[in-house]
N, C-alpha and C. Protein backbone atom coordinates (compact mmCIF):
# COMPACT_ATOMS: atom_id res chain seq x y z
N UNK A 1 40.43 78.46 -94.17
CA UNK A 1 41.08 78.89 -95.18
C UNK A 1 40.44 79.82 -96.08
N UNK A 2 40.35 80.55 -96.59
CA UNK A 2 40.05 81.31 -97.91
C UNK A 2 41.28 81.40 -98.96
N UNK A 3 40.77 80.79 -100.07
CA UNK A 3 41.82 80.74 -101.04
C UNK A 3 41.08 80.95 -102.57
N UNK A 4 42.04 81.70 -103.26
CA UNK A 4 41.31 82.29 -104.52
C UNK A 4 42.77 81.75 -105.13
N UNK A 5 41.90 81.26 -106.33
CA UNK A 5 42.97 80.34 -107.66
C UNK A 5 42.73 81.08 -108.60
N UNK A 6 41.59 81.87 -109.02
CA UNK A 6 41.00 82.85 -110.25
C UNK A 6 40.35 83.95 -109.54
N UNK A 7 40.77 85.27 -109.96
CA UNK A 7 39.73 86.01 -110.10
C UNK A 7 38.36 85.96 -109.81
N UNK A 8 37.65 86.12 -108.94
CA UNK A 8 36.13 85.91 -109.34
C UNK A 8 35.80 84.81 -108.34
N UNK A 9 36.36 83.88 -108.39
CA UNK A 9 36.43 82.31 -107.19
C UNK A 9 37.17 82.41 -106.58
N UNK A 10 36.21 81.84 -104.81
CA UNK A 10 36.74 82.15 -103.61
C UNK A 10 36.47 80.38 -103.24
N UNK A 11 37.32 79.62 -102.88
CA UNK A 11 37.27 78.17 -102.18
C UNK A 11 37.53 78.63 -100.82
N UNK A 12 36.35 78.07 -99.94
CA UNK A 12 36.56 78.25 -98.52
C UNK A 12 37.11 76.87 -97.98
N UNK A 13 38.18 76.22 -97.33
CA UNK A 13 38.60 75.11 -96.71
C UNK A 13 37.97 74.99 -95.54
N UNK A 14 37.04 74.03 -94.67
CA UNK A 14 36.90 74.08 -93.51
C UNK A 14 37.40 72.89 -93.00
N UNK A 15 37.88 72.96 -91.55
CA UNK A 15 38.10 71.71 -90.73
C UNK A 15 37.28 71.65 -89.84
N UNK A 16 36.02 70.93 -89.96
CA UNK A 16 34.75 70.78 -89.24
C UNK A 16 35.16 69.89 -88.00
N UNK A 17 34.56 71.07 -87.01
CA UNK A 17 34.72 69.68 -85.24
C UNK A 17 33.30 68.75 -85.34
N UNK A 18 33.20 68.64 -84.17
CA UNK A 18 32.60 67.31 -83.97
C UNK A 18 31.20 67.57 -84.15
N UNK A 19 30.71 69.18 -83.87
CA UNK A 19 30.03 69.39 -84.01
C UNK A 19 28.91 70.64 -85.04
N UNK A 20 29.51 70.59 -86.13
CA UNK A 20 29.64 71.36 -87.20
C UNK A 20 28.39 71.00 -88.10
N UNK A 21 27.89 71.71 -88.52
CA UNK A 21 26.67 71.58 -88.95
C UNK A 21 26.24 72.48 -90.56
N UNK A 22 25.53 72.19 -90.91
CA UNK A 22 24.98 72.97 -92.06
C UNK A 22 24.26 74.73 -91.74
N UNK A 23 24.11 74.85 -90.25
CA UNK A 23 23.89 75.76 -89.97
C UNK A 23 25.32 76.80 -89.73
N UNK A 24 26.50 76.14 -89.30
CA UNK A 24 27.97 76.90 -88.96
C UNK A 24 28.09 76.98 -90.64
N UNK A 25 27.70 76.07 -91.58
CA UNK A 25 28.48 76.08 -93.07
C UNK A 25 28.11 77.20 -93.49
N UNK A 26 26.32 77.50 -93.41
CA UNK A 26 25.72 79.06 -93.98
C UNK A 26 26.25 80.37 -93.40
N UNK A 27 26.74 80.11 -92.01
CA UNK A 27 27.06 80.92 -91.18
C UNK A 27 28.66 81.42 -91.99
N UNK A 28 29.37 80.57 -92.04
CA UNK A 28 30.28 81.02 -92.65
C UNK A 28 30.64 81.67 -94.27
N UNK A 29 29.50 80.86 -95.08
CA UNK A 29 29.30 81.79 -96.27
C UNK A 29 28.88 83.13 -95.80
N UNK A 30 27.73 83.40 -95.19
CA UNK A 30 27.04 84.73 -94.81
C UNK A 30 28.36 85.57 -94.14
N UNK A 31 29.10 85.29 -93.72
CA UNK A 31 30.07 86.04 -92.88
C UNK A 31 31.06 86.32 -94.32
N UNK A 32 31.53 85.63 -95.17
CA UNK A 32 32.25 85.68 -96.41
C UNK A 32 31.85 86.27 -97.10
N UNK A 33 30.53 86.85 -97.33
CA UNK A 33 29.69 87.50 -98.70
C UNK A 33 29.79 89.06 -98.03
N UNK A 34 29.36 88.94 -96.82
CA UNK A 34 29.49 90.78 -95.66
C UNK A 34 30.64 90.85 -96.46
N UNK A 35 31.97 90.15 -96.18
CA UNK A 35 33.56 90.88 -96.49
C UNK A 35 33.33 91.53 -98.24
N UNK A 36 32.91 90.10 -98.94
CA UNK A 36 33.94 90.24 -100.16
C UNK A 36 32.09 90.84 -101.04
N UNK A 37 31.25 91.31 -100.06
CA UNK A 37 30.26 91.77 -101.32
C UNK A 37 29.43 90.58 -101.91
N UNK A 38 28.26 91.29 -102.71
CA UNK A 38 27.27 89.81 -103.39
C UNK A 38 27.80 90.32 -104.57
N UNK A 39 27.49 89.14 -105.83
CA UNK A 39 27.48 89.13 -106.80
C UNK A 39 29.12 89.37 -107.81
N UNK A 40 30.41 89.15 -106.61
CA UNK A 40 31.05 89.67 -107.31
C UNK A 40 32.14 88.47 -107.17
N UNK A 41 31.68 87.59 -106.50
CA UNK A 41 32.83 86.49 -106.39
C UNK A 41 31.67 84.91 -106.07
N UNK A 42 32.14 83.92 -106.67
CA UNK A 42 31.59 82.65 -107.07
C UNK A 42 32.13 82.13 -105.40
N UNK A 43 31.29 81.39 -104.41
CA UNK A 43 32.29 81.00 -103.41
C UNK A 43 31.48 79.63 -103.47
N UNK A 44 32.59 78.45 -103.37
CA UNK A 44 32.68 77.22 -102.84
C UNK A 44 32.84 76.93 -101.48
N UNK A 45 32.58 75.54 -100.94
CA UNK A 45 33.31 75.33 -100.07
C UNK A 45 33.69 73.95 -99.56
N UNK A 46 34.60 73.47 -99.10
CA UNK A 46 35.21 72.09 -99.36
C UNK A 46 35.66 72.15 -97.49
N UNK A 47 35.36 70.78 -97.12
CA UNK A 47 35.54 70.47 -95.74
C UNK A 47 36.90 69.49 -96.23
N UNK A 48 37.55 69.62 -95.44
CA UNK A 48 39.14 69.01 -95.56
C UNK A 48 39.66 68.83 -94.06
N UNK A 49 40.86 68.01 -93.94
CA UNK A 49 41.51 67.68 -92.47
C UNK A 49 42.80 68.86 -92.42
N UNK A 50 43.55 68.84 -91.42
CA UNK A 50 44.66 69.81 -91.12
C UNK A 50 45.55 69.57 -92.49
N UNK A 51 45.86 68.78 -92.85
CA UNK A 51 47.18 68.83 -93.61
C UNK A 51 46.93 68.73 -95.14
N UNK A 52 45.39 69.15 -95.55
CA UNK A 52 45.52 69.84 -96.87
C UNK A 52 45.12 71.17 -96.97
N UNK A 53 45.34 71.90 -95.33
CA UNK A 53 45.90 73.15 -95.63
C UNK A 53 47.08 73.79 -96.33
N UNK A 54 46.80 74.95 -96.71
CA UNK A 54 47.93 75.50 -97.10
C UNK A 54 48.56 76.35 -96.05
N UNK A 55 50.42 76.14 -95.95
CA UNK A 55 51.05 76.51 -94.69
C UNK A 55 52.00 77.29 -95.50
N UNK A 56 52.79 78.32 -94.76
CA UNK A 56 53.93 78.93 -95.21
C UNK A 56 54.96 78.10 -95.42
N UNK A 57 56.13 78.85 -95.89
CA UNK A 57 57.45 77.53 -95.94
C UNK A 57 57.70 77.41 -94.37
N UNK A 58 57.54 78.01 -93.85
CA UNK A 58 57.83 77.97 -91.80
C UNK A 58 56.84 77.11 -91.21
N UNK A 59 55.94 76.90 -91.84
CA UNK A 59 54.60 75.75 -91.33
C UNK A 59 53.81 76.81 -90.71
N UNK A 60 53.51 77.72 -90.62
CA UNK A 60 52.71 78.86 -90.09
C UNK A 60 51.28 78.38 -91.19
N UNK A 61 49.95 78.29 -90.41
CA UNK A 61 48.88 78.61 -91.23
C UNK A 61 48.76 79.87 -92.04
N UNK A 62 48.42 79.72 -92.97
CA UNK A 62 47.90 80.88 -93.66
C UNK A 62 46.27 80.67 -93.85
N UNK A 63 45.76 82.34 -93.59
CA UNK A 63 44.02 82.55 -93.31
C UNK A 63 43.72 82.86 -94.70
N UNK A 64 44.39 83.33 -95.71
CA UNK A 64 44.15 84.01 -96.59
C UNK A 64 45.74 83.47 -97.65
N UNK A 65 44.70 82.64 -98.63
CA UNK A 65 45.81 82.56 -99.82
C UNK A 65 45.53 82.79 -101.17
N UNK A 66 46.25 83.74 -101.84
CA UNK A 66 46.24 83.78 -103.05
C UNK A 66 46.88 83.39 -104.28
N UNK A 67 46.14 82.44 -104.79
CA UNK A 67 47.18 81.63 -106.24
C UNK A 67 46.92 82.33 -107.42
N UNK A 68 46.73 83.88 -107.37
CA UNK A 68 46.00 84.20 -108.95
C UNK A 68 47.61 84.72 -109.19
N UNK A 69 47.69 83.77 -110.31
CA UNK A 69 48.57 84.52 -111.21
C UNK A 69 48.41 84.87 -112.87
């Protein structure tokens, strides 16, 4: 799940499976950089459980969450 709380900052929440490695984490980061570009976004990652993800009011998973206000 990609979450933007502030402009220029992106937090990636990852629910890892049993084989998730640092190589997989780097892949997620590199693919994200390809989408948002370089030098315009501070990216942090956090491993979480499903219950920590953000869902819609109807209980549907949201892939991209913009909390920018």
